[in-house]
Amino acid sequence: MTWTTRPRSEIGGLAAIRCGEGPPVLLLHGVGLRAEAWNRQIDALARRYRVTAPDLPGHGESPRPAAPMALADYTEAALAVLAEPALIVGHSMGAMIALNMAVRHPEMVRGVAALNAVFERDAAAAAAVEARAASLDGERAADPGPTLARWFGPDETPERHACGDWLRAVDPAGYRMAYAAFARAQGPAREALARLPCPVLFMTGALEPNSTPQMSDTMARLAPRGRVRIAAGAAHMMPMTHAGDVNAALIDLATEVLP
């Protein structure tokens, strides 16, 4: 698999990949990445669905925000891409945006797949992510080495190299803004999860140290129509490294929630 850059269109103010025809699926990537992180999901889903994968504000080819953004602002930016209710799929920060969209705009969400989603970090994890956010100066590209080590461990793989290229190329100010929003967010409130009307898949990797299986299991228990899947042998970059497992789960959910 090569992580080739795909052509984009401007949709709702963001640069976005759009492929396929059919009911809509929206794919939201994580901090520091770009829409190509979904390449394997785009190829699988576009056979039956109209797939839109935007670059988040300040990432890829989307413009940098004029002012700092909170999670609610990223949610509104993603919402502007939609013309009709869709299945919303998010990874990492994208999962937090997807869940927030379901809470704030349930009329636009047929279902959610929250991949590697954070929920109620403990004090040590919260301090660590806040320290990483504070270390970014917004002017120079951050060393991707520590991030890649957390995501992939010691393995040198095409996925690791692609993520390294994207992290080195991301706009430093856009990256800092997104990381700050990600660090401040703790996931949806318990009472908000309990009110979600749509089906929600919570999926993470068995080896994920930050968006842990316990977090996904807890959220799935709180959401009335929640369910959990844990990918054996997977860590944070599960959509790239374990695409077969992820794609099968997404197709199951799409078949359930889309007309």
C-alpha atoms as a PDB file:
ATOM      1  CA  MET A   1       0.000   0.000   0.000  1.00  0.00           C
ATOM      2  CA  THR A   2       1.332   3.424  -0.921  1.00  0.00           C
ATOM      3  CA  TRP A   3       0.011   6.491   0.862  1.00  0.00           C
ATOM      4  CA  THR A   4      -0.386   8.518  -2.313  1.00  0.00           C
ATOM      5  CA  THR A   5      -1.740  12.065  -2.101  1.00  0.00           C
ATOM      6  CA  ARG A   6      -5.237  12.237  -3.581  1.00  0.00           C
ATOM      7  CA  PRO A   7      -6.900  15.162  -5.355  1.00  0.00           C
ATOM      8  CA  ARG A   8      -9.204  17.373  -3.325  1.00  0.00           C
ATOM      9  CA  SER A   9     -12.127  19.724  -3.718  1.00  0.00           C
ATOM     10  CA  GLU A  10     -13.173  22.616  -1.503  1.00  0.00           C
ATOM     11  CA  ILE A  11     -16.241  21.474   0.435  1.00  0.00           C
ATOM     12  CA  GLY A  12     -17.738  23.587   3.192  1.00  0.00           C
ATOM     13  CA  GLY A  13     -14.553  25.606   3.562  1.00  0.00           C
ATOM     14  CA  LEU A  14     -12.231  22.604   3.913  1.00  0.00           C
ATOM     15  CA  ALA A  15     -10.089  20.724   1.411  1.00  0.00           C
ATOM     16  CA  ALA A  16     -11.592  17.259   1.101  1.00  0.00           C
ATOM     17  CA  ILE A  17     -11.236  13.997  -0.774  1.00  0.00           C
ATOM     18  CA  ARG A  18     -14.549  12.795  -2.167  1.00  0.00           C
ATOM     19  CA  CYS A  19     -15.051   9.379  -3.755  1.00  0.00           C
ATOM     20  CA  GLY A  20     -17.922   7.085  -4.620  1.00  0.00           C
ATOM     21  CA  GLU A  21     -21.681   7.390  -4.917  1.00  0.00           C
ATOM     22  CA  GLY A  22     -24.435   6.486  -2.494  1.00  0.00           C
ATOM     23  CA  PRO A  23     -25.382   7.360   1.081  1.00  0.00           C
ATOM     24  CA  PRO A  24     -22.862   9.685   2.760  1.00  0.00           C
ATOM     25  CA  VAL A  25     -19.970   8.723   5.029  1.00  0.00           C
ATOM     26  CA  LEU A  26     -17.741  11.382   6.619  1.00  0.00           C
ATOM     27  CA  LEU A  27     -14.196  10.443   7.746  1.00  0.00           C
ATOM     28  CA  LEU A  28     -12.397  12.685  10.280  1.00  0.00           C
ATOM     29  CA  HIS A  29      -8.670  12.187  10.905  1.00  0.00           C
ATOM     30  CA  GLY A  30      -6.594  12.846  14.020  1.00  0.00           C
ATOM     31  CA  VAL A  31      -4.186  15.581  15.094  1.00  0.00           C
ATOM     32  CA  GLY A  32      -1.216  16.149  12.798  1.00  0.00           C
ATOM     33  CA  LEU A  33      -2.484  13.890  10.027  1.00  0.00           C
ATOM     34  CA  ARG A  34      -4.406  14.446   6.804  1.00  0.00           C
ATOM     35  CA  ALA A  35      -7.204  12.837   4.849  1.00  0.00           C
ATOM     36  CA  GLU A  36      -4.897  10.231   3.257  1.00  0.00           C
ATOM     37  CA  ALA A  37      -4.700   8.519   6.652  1.00  0.00           C
ATOM     38  CA  TRP A  38      -8.077   7.075   5.582  1.00  0.00           C
ATOM     39  CA  ASN A  39      -6.846   5.738   2.214  1.00  0.00           C
ATOM     40  CA  ARG A  40      -7.731   2.125   2.980  1.00  0.00           C
ATOM     41  CA  GLN A  41     -11.147   3.046   4.344  1.00  0.00           C
ATOM     42  CA  ILE A  42     -11.863   5.293   1.354  1.00  0.00           C
ATOM     43  CA  ASP A  43     -11.103   2.451  -1.048  1.00  0.00           C
ATOM     44  CA  ALA A  44     -13.330   0.008   0.839  1.00  0.00           C
ATOM     45  CA  LEU A  45     -16.277   2.304   1.527  1.00  0.00           C
ATOM     46  CA  ALA A  46     -16.413   4.154  -1.806  1.00  0.00           C
ATOM     47  CA  ARG A  47     -17.624   0.980  -3.525  1.00  0.00           C
ATOM     48  CA  ARG A  48     -21.054   1.539  -1.938  1.00  0.00           C
ATOM     49  CA  TYR A  49     -21.062   5.004  -0.384  1.00  0.00           C
ATOM     50  CA  ARG A  50     -20.223   8.641  -1.100  1.00  0.00           C
ATOM     51  CA  VAL A  51     -17.156   9.105   1.083  1.00  0.00           C
ATOM     52  CA  THR A  52     -15.888  12.528   2.117  1.00  0.00           C
ATOM     53  CA  ALA A  53     -12.591  12.851   3.987  1.00  0.00           C
ATOM     54  CA  PRO A  54     -11.643  16.461   4.787  1.00  0.00           C
ATOM     55  CA  ASP A  55      -8.355  17.805   6.035  1.00  0.00           C
ATOM     56  CA  LEU A  56      -9.164  19.333   9.416  1.00  0.00           C
ATOM     57  CA  PRO A  57      -8.547  23.098   9.763  1.00  0.00           C
ATOM     58  CA  GLY A  58      -4.814  23.812   9.683  1.00  0.00           C
ATOM     59  CA  HIS A  59      -3.998  20.333   8.357  1.00  0.00           C
ATOM     60  CA  GLY A  60      -3.213  19.022   4.899  1.00  0.00           C
ATOM     61  CA  GLU A  61      -4.531  21.498   2.343  1.00  0.00           C
ATOM     62  CA  SER A  62      -7.181  23.118   4.557  1.00  0.00           C
ATOM     63  CA  PRO A  63      -6.472  26.693   5.658  1.00  0.00           C
ATOM     64  CA  ARG A  64      -5.130  27.499   9.077  1.00  0.00           C
ATOM     65  CA  PRO A  65      -7.766  28.906  11.450  1.00  0.00           C
ATOM     66  CA  ALA A  66      -7.601  32.651  11.993  1.00  0.00           C
ATOM     67  CA  ALA A  67      -7.958  32.193  15.751  1.00  0.00           C
ATOM     68  CA  PRO A  68      -7.554  29.333  18.235  1.00  0.00           C
ATOM     69  CA  MET A  69     -10.296  26.715  18.038  1.00  0.00           C
ATOM     70  CA  ALA A  70     -11.917  24.558  20.687  1.00  0.00           C
ATOM     71  CA  LEU A  71     -13.402  21.125  20.036  1.00  0.00           C
ATOM     72  CA  ALA A  72     -16.784  22.758  19.408  1.00  0.00           C
ATOM     73  CA  ASP A  73     -15.245  24.873  16.627  1.00  0.00           C
ATOM     74  CA  TYR A  74     -13.702  21.832  14.930  1.00  0.00           C
ATOM     75  CA  THR A  75     -17.105  20.170  15.206  1.00  0.00           C
ATOM     76  CA  GLU A  76     -18.804  23.068  13.408  1.00  0.00           C
ATOM     77  CA  ALA A  77     -16.106  23.046  10.713  1.00  0.00           C
ATOM     78  CA  ALA A  78     -16.714  19.347  10.082  1.00  0.00           C
ATOM     79  CA  LEU A  79     -20.476  19.844  10.112  1.00  0.00           C
ATOM     80  CA  ALA A  80     -20.168  22.404   7.295  1.00  0.00           C
ATOM     81  CA  VAL A  81     -18.958  19.620   4.989  1.00  0.00           C
ATOM     82  CA  LEU A  82     -22.274  17.762   5.319  1.00  0.00           C
ATOM     83  CA  ALA A  83     -25.294  18.378   3.103  1.00  0.00           C
ATOM     84  CA  GLU A  84     -27.420  15.605   4.629  1.00  0.00           C
ATOM     85  CA  PRO A  85     -27.335  13.164   7.569  1.00  0.00           C
ATOM     86  CA  ALA A  86     -24.380  10.795   7.398  1.00  0.00           C
ATOM     87  CA  LEU A  87     -22.418   8.076   9.109  1.00  0.00           C
ATOM     88  CA  ILE A  88     -19.625   9.916  10.927  1.00  0.00           C
ATOM     89  CA  VAL A  89     -16.337   8.068  11.394  1.00  0.00           C
ATOM     90  CA  GLY A  90     -13.571   9.634  13.451  1.00  0.00           C
ATOM     91  CA  HIS A  91     -10.119   8.578  14.609  1.00  0.00           C
ATOM     92  CA  SER A  92      -8.506   9.960  17.786  1.00  0.00           C
ATOM     93  CA  MET A  93      -9.366  13.686  17.829  1.00  0.00           C
ATOM     94  CA  GLY A  94     -11.621  12.970  14.860  1.00  0.00           C
ATOM     95  CA  ALA A  95     -13.534  10.528  17.075  1.00  0.00           C
ATOM     96  CA  MET A  96     -14.028  13.257  19.665  1.00  0.00           C
ATOM     97  CA  ILE A  97     -15.364  15.546  16.926  1.00  0.00           C
ATOM     98  CA  ALA A  98     -17.675  12.791  15.656  1.00  0.00           C
ATOM     99  CA  LEU A  99     -19.107  12.152  19.120  1.00  0.00           C
ATOM    100  CA  ASN A 100     -19.496  15.867  19.757  1.00  0.00           C
ATOM    101  CA  MET A 101     -21.354  16.202  16.457  1.00  0.00           C
ATOM    102  CA  ALA A 102     -23.744  13.443  17.515  1.00  0.00           C
ATOM    103  CA  VAL A 103     -24.357  15.225  20.829  1.00  0.00           C
ATOM    104  CA  ARG A 104     -24.803  18.717  19.368  1.00  0.00           C
ATOM    105  CA  HIS A 105     -26.371  17.927  15.990  1.00  0.00           C
ATOM    106  CA  PRO A 106     -28.095  14.535  16.240  1.00  0.00           C
ATOM    107  CA  GLU A 107     -30.306  15.347  13.258  1.00  0.00           C
ATOM    108  CA  MET A 108     -27.217  15.194  10.994  1.00  0.00           C
ATOM    109  CA  VAL A 109     -25.831  11.919  12.349  1.00  0.00           C
ATOM    110  CA  ARG A 110     -27.151   8.478  11.376  1.00  0.00           C
ATOM    111  CA  GLY A 111     -24.427   6.679  13.301  1.00  0.00           C
ATOM    112  CA  VAL A 112     -20.923   7.147  14.701  1.00  0.00           C
ATOM    113  CA  ALA A 113     -17.776   5.048  14.606  1.00  0.00           C
ATOM    114  CA  ALA A 114     -15.422   6.384  17.283  1.00  0.00           C
ATOM    115  CA  LEU A 115     -12.000   4.845  16.651  1.00  0.00           C
ATOM    116  CA  ASN A 116      -9.290   5.169  19.319  1.00  0.00           C
ATOM    117  CA  ALA A 117     -11.390   7.652  21.273  1.00  0.00           C
ATOM    118  CA  VAL A 118     -10.273   9.160  24.579  1.00  0.00           C
ATOM    119  CA  PHE A 119     -12.599   9.229  27.582  1.00  0.00           C
ATOM    120  CA  GLU A 120     -11.941  10.609  31.066  1.00  0.00           C
ATOM    121  CA  ARG A 121      -8.137  10.511  31.048  1.00  0.00           C
ATOM    122  CA  ASP A 122      -6.622   9.899  34.462  1.00  0.00           C
ATOM    123  CA  ALA A 123      -4.450  12.591  36.040  1.00  0.00           C
ATOM    124  CA  ALA A 124      -1.178  11.196  34.697  1.00  0.00           C
ATOM    125  CA  ALA A 125      -2.457  10.844  31.135  1.00  0.00           C
ATOM    126  CA  ALA A 126      -4.021  14.318  31.233  1.00  0.00           C
ATOM    127  CA  ALA A 127      -0.771  15.861  32.476  1.00  0.00           C
ATOM    128  CA  ALA A 128       1.227  14.070  29.777  1.00  0.00           C
ATOM    129  CA  VAL A 129      -0.963  15.221  26.882  1.00  0.00           C
ATOM    130  CA  GLU A 130      -1.100  18.770  28.247  1.00  0.00           C
ATOM    131  CA  ALA A 131       2.708  18.806  28.482  1.00  0.00           C
ATOM    132  CA  ARG A 132       2.997  17.649  24.875  1.00  0.00           C
ATOM    133  CA  ALA A 133       0.615  20.397  23.768  1.00  0.00           C
ATOM    134  CA  ALA A 134       2.555  23.024  25.725  1.00  0.00           C
ATOM    135  CA  SER A 135       5.847  21.926  24.132  1.00  0.00           C
ATOM    136  CA  LEU A 136       4.695  22.994  20.643  1.00  0.00           C
ATOM    137  CA  ASP A 137       5.738  26.534  19.723  1.00  0.00           C
ATOM    138  CA  GLY A 138       3.553  26.878  16.622  1.00  0.00           C
ATOM    139  CA  GLU A 139       6.454  28.119  14.501  1.00  0.00           C
ATOM    140  CA  ARG A 140       8.669  25.120  13.825  1.00  0.00           C
ATOM    141  CA  ALA A 141       7.795  21.557  12.900  1.00  0.00           C
ATOM    142  CA  ALA A 142       7.908  19.333  15.957  1.00  0.00           C
ATOM    143  CA  ASP A 143      10.191  16.293  16.032  1.00  0.00           C
ATOM    144  CA  PRO A 144       7.841  13.448  15.068  1.00  0.00           C
ATOM    145  CA  GLY A 145      10.015  10.789  16.706  1.00  0.00           C
ATOM    146  CA  PRO A 146       8.295  10.637  20.121  1.00  0.00           C
ATOM    147  CA  THR A 147       4.836  10.667  18.529  1.00  0.00           C
ATOM    148  CA  LEU A 148       5.736   7.880  16.112  1.00  0.00           C
ATOM    149  CA  ALA A 149       7.168   5.834  18.981  1.00  0.00           C
ATOM    150  CA  ARG A 150       3.876   6.134  20.877  1.00  0.00           C
ATOM    151  CA  TRP A 151       1.863   5.218  17.793  1.00  0.00           C
ATOM    152  CA  PHE A 152       3.987   2.434  16.313  1.00  0.00           C
ATOM    153  CA  GLY A 153       6.603   1.331  18.830  1.00  0.00           C
ATOM    154  CA  PRO A 154       9.970   0.414  17.282  1.00  0.00           C
ATOM    155  CA  ASP A 155       8.645  -1.020  14.009  1.00  0.00           C
ATOM    156  CA  GLU A 156       9.694   0.655  10.760  1.00  0.00           C
ATOM    157  CA  THR A 157       6.708   0.313   8.442  1.00  0.00           C
ATOM    158  CA  PRO A 158       5.250   2.182   5.459  1.00  0.00           C
ATOM    159  CA  GLU A 159       2.496   3.461   7.754  1.00  0.00           C
ATOM    160  CA  ARG A 160       5.043   4.866  10.188  1.00  0.00           C
ATOM    161  CA  HIS A 161       6.964   6.574   7.377  1.00  0.00           C
ATOM    162  CA  ALA A 162       3.774   8.091   5.952  1.00  0.00           C
ATOM    163  CA  CYS A 163       2.756   9.471   9.341  1.00  0.00           C
ATOM    164  CA  GLY A 164       6.260  10.860   9.831  1.00  0.00           C
ATOM    165  CA  ASP A 165       6.035  12.684   6.511  1.00  0.00           C
ATOM    166  CA  TRP A 166       2.622  14.128   7.409  1.00  0.00           C
ATOM    167  CA  LEU A 167       3.736  15.245  10.874  1.00  0.00           C
ATOM    168  CA  ARG A 168       6.810  16.971   9.438  1.00  0.00           C
ATOM    169  CA  ALA A 169       4.703  18.712   6.770  1.00  0.00           C
ATOM    170  CA  VAL A 170       1.757  19.857   8.904  1.00  0.00           C
ATOM    171  CA  ASP A 171       1.407  23.596   9.512  1.00  0.00           C
ATOM    172  CA  PRO A 172       3.037  24.128  12.946  1.00  0.00           C
ATOM    173  CA  ALA A 173       0.453  26.677  14.057  1.00  0.00           C
ATOM    174  CA  GLY A 174      -2.457  24.517  12.909  1.00  0.00           C
ATOM    175  CA  TYR A 175      -0.931  21.509  14.663  1.00  0.00           C
ATOM    176  CA  ARG A 176      -0.490  23.436  17.888  1.00  0.00           C
ATOM    177  CA  MET A 177      -4.093  24.680  17.824  1.00  0.00           C
ATOM    178  CA  ALA A 178      -5.488  21.201  17.254  1.00  0.00           C
ATOM    179  CA  TYR A 179      -3.258  19.610  19.876  1.00  0.00           C
ATOM    180  CA  ALA A 180      -4.328  22.205  22.437  1.00  0.00           C
ATOM    181  CA  ALA A 181      -7.998  21.465  21.723  1.00  0.00           C
ATOM    182  CA  PHE A 182      -7.336  17.725  21.920  1.00  0.00           C
ATOM    183  CA  ALA A 183      -5.474  18.075  25.219  1.00  0.00           C
ATOM    184  CA  ARG A 184      -8.303  20.074  26.789  1.00  0.00           C
ATOM    185  CA  ALA A 185     -11.019  17.634  25.726  1.00  0.00           C
ATOM    186  CA  GLN A 186     -11.845  14.636  27.903  1.00  0.00           C
ATOM    187  CA  GLY A 187     -14.430  13.051  25.660  1.00  0.00           C
ATOM    188  CA  PRO A 188     -18.194  13.414  25.896  1.00  0.00           C
ATOM    189  CA  ALA A 189     -19.840  13.794  29.284  1.00  0.00           C
ATOM    190  CA  ARG A 190     -21.449  10.667  30.679  1.00  0.00           C
ATOM    191  CA  GLU A 191     -24.890  12.236  30.576  1.00  0.00           C
ATOM    192  CA  ALA A 192     -24.351  13.228  26.928  1.00  0.00           C
ATOM    193  CA  LEU A 193     -23.407   9.669  26.001  1.00  0.00           C
ATOM    194  CA  ALA A 194     -26.524   8.424  27.760  1.00  0.00           C
ATOM    195  CA  ARG A 195     -28.651  10.649  25.497  1.00  0.00           C
ATOM    196  CA  LEU A 196     -27.156   9.614  22.157  1.00  0.00           C
ATOM    197  CA  PRO A 197     -29.991   8.358  19.950  1.00  0.00           C
ATOM    198  CA  CYS A 198     -27.934   6.781  17.159  1.00  0.00           C
ATOM    199  CA  PRO A 199     -25.909   3.566  16.983  1.00  0.00           C
ATOM    200  CA  VAL A 200     -22.314   4.142  18.079  1.00  0.00           C
ATOM    201  CA  LEU A 201     -19.372   1.807  17.518  1.00  0.00           C
ATOM    202  CA  PHE A 202     -16.447   2.305  19.890  1.00  0.00           C
ATOM    203  CA  MET A 203     -13.380   0.541  18.516  1.00  0.00           C
ATOM    204  CA  THR A 204      -9.781   0.658  19.646  1.00  0.00           C
ATOM    205  CA  GLY A 205      -6.650  -1.473  19.679  1.00  0.00           C
ATOM    206  CA  ALA A 206      -5.857  -4.058  22.317  1.00  0.00           C
ATOM    207  CA  LEU A 207      -2.357  -2.544  22.587  1.00  0.00           C
ATOM    208  CA  GLU A 208      -3.539   1.101  22.694  1.00  0.00           C
ATOM    209  CA  PRO A 209      -2.054   2.784  25.814  1.00  0.00           C
ATOM    210  CA  ASN A 210      -3.845   6.143  25.519  1.00  0.00           C
ATOM    211  CA  SER A 211      -7.283   5.528  23.976  1.00  0.00           C
ATOM    212  CA  THR A 212      -7.578   2.335  25.959  1.00  0.00           C
ATOM    213  CA  PRO A 213      -9.935  -0.623  25.555  1.00  0.00           C
ATOM    214  CA  GLN A 214     -11.386   0.239  28.964  1.00  0.00           C
ATOM    215  CA  MET A 215     -12.314   3.722  27.705  1.00  0.00           C
ATOM    216  CA  SER A 216     -14.121   2.313  24.671  1.00  0.00           C
ATOM    217  CA  ASP A 217     -15.881  -0.304  26.775  1.00  0.00           C
ATOM    218  CA  THR A 218     -17.075   2.302  29.281  1.00  0.00           C
ATOM    219  CA  MET A 219     -18.442   4.582  26.566  1.00  0.00           C
ATOM    220  CA  ALA A 220     -20.194   1.679  24.855  1.00  0.00           C
ATOM    221  CA  ARG A 221     -21.915   0.768  28.120  1.00  0.00           C
ATOM    222  CA  LEU A 222     -23.085   4.354  28.636  1.00  0.00           C
ATOM    223  CA  ALA A 223     -24.468   4.911  25.122  1.00  0.00           C
ATOM    224  CA  PRO A 224     -27.946   3.345  24.711  1.00  0.00           C
ATOM    225  CA  ARG A 225     -27.059   1.913  21.296  1.00  0.00           C
ATOM    226  CA  GLY A 226     -23.328   1.552  21.902  1.00  0.00           C
ATOM    227  CA  ARG A 227     -21.203  -1.435  21.057  1.00  0.00           C
ATOM    228  CA  VAL A 228     -17.469  -2.096  21.398  1.00  0.00           C
ATOM    229  CA  ARG A 229     -14.887  -3.900  19.276  1.00  0.00           C
ATOM    230  CA  ILE A 230     -11.244  -4.362  20.220  1.00  0.00           C
ATOM    231  CA  ALA A 231      -8.729  -5.087  17.459  1.00  0.00           C
ATOM    232  CA  ALA A 232      -6.178  -7.677  18.539  1.00  0.00           C
ATOM    233  CA  GLY A 233      -2.570  -6.578  18.094  1.00  0.00           C
ATOM    234  CA  ALA A 234      -3.524  -3.000  17.189  1.00  0.00           C
ATOM    235  CA  ALA A 235      -2.388   0.244  18.794  1.00  0.00           C
ATOM    236  CA  HIS A 236      -3.158   3.889  18.012  1.00  0.00           C
ATOM    237  CA  MET A 237      -2.931   3.891  14.224  1.00  0.00           C
ATOM    238  CA  MET A 238      -5.399   1.028  13.922  1.00  0.00           C
ATOM    239  CA  PRO A 239      -7.187   2.357  10.783  1.00  0.00           C
ATOM    240  CA  MET A 240      -3.880   2.181   8.913  1.00  0.00           C
ATOM    241  CA  THR A 241      -2.257  -0.883  10.470  1.00  0.00           C
ATOM    242  CA  HIS A 242      -5.383  -3.041  10.897  1.00  0.00           C
ATOM    243  CA  ALA A 243      -7.491  -1.775   8.027  1.00  0.00           C
ATOM    244  CA  GLY A 244      -9.154  -5.127   7.397  1.00  0.00           C
ATOM    245  CA  ASP A 245     -10.608  -5.256  10.911  1.00  0.00           C
ATOM    246  CA  VAL A 246     -11.633  -1.597  10.796  1.00  0.00           C
ATOM    247  CA  ASN A 247     -13.172  -1.792   7.337  1.00  0.00           C
ATOM    248  CA  ALA A 248     -15.242  -4.848   8.246  1.00  0.00           C
ATOM    249  CA  ALA A 249     -16.586  -3.075  11.335  1.00  0.00           C
ATOM    250  CA  LEU A 250     -17.369   0.094   9.383  1.00  0.00           C
ATOM    251  CA  ILE A 251     -19.166  -1.770   6.617  1.00  0.00           C
ATOM    252  CA  ASP A 252     -21.265  -3.592   9.229  1.00  0.00           C
ATOM    253  CA  LEU A 253     -22.220  -0.271  10.825  1.00  0.00           C
ATOM    254  CA  ALA A 254     -22.867   1.455   7.497  1.00  0.00           C
ATOM    255  CA  THR A 255     -25.130  -1.398   6.408  1.00  0.00           C
ATOM    256  CA  GLU A 256     -27.112  -0.949   9.620  1.00  0.00           C
ATOM    257  CA  VAL A 257     -27.520   2.836   9.659  1.00  0.00           C
ATOM    258  CA  LEU A 258     -27.504   4.007   6.034  1.00  0.00           C
ATOM    259  CA  PRO A 259     -30.412   3.577   3.612  1.00  0.00           C
END
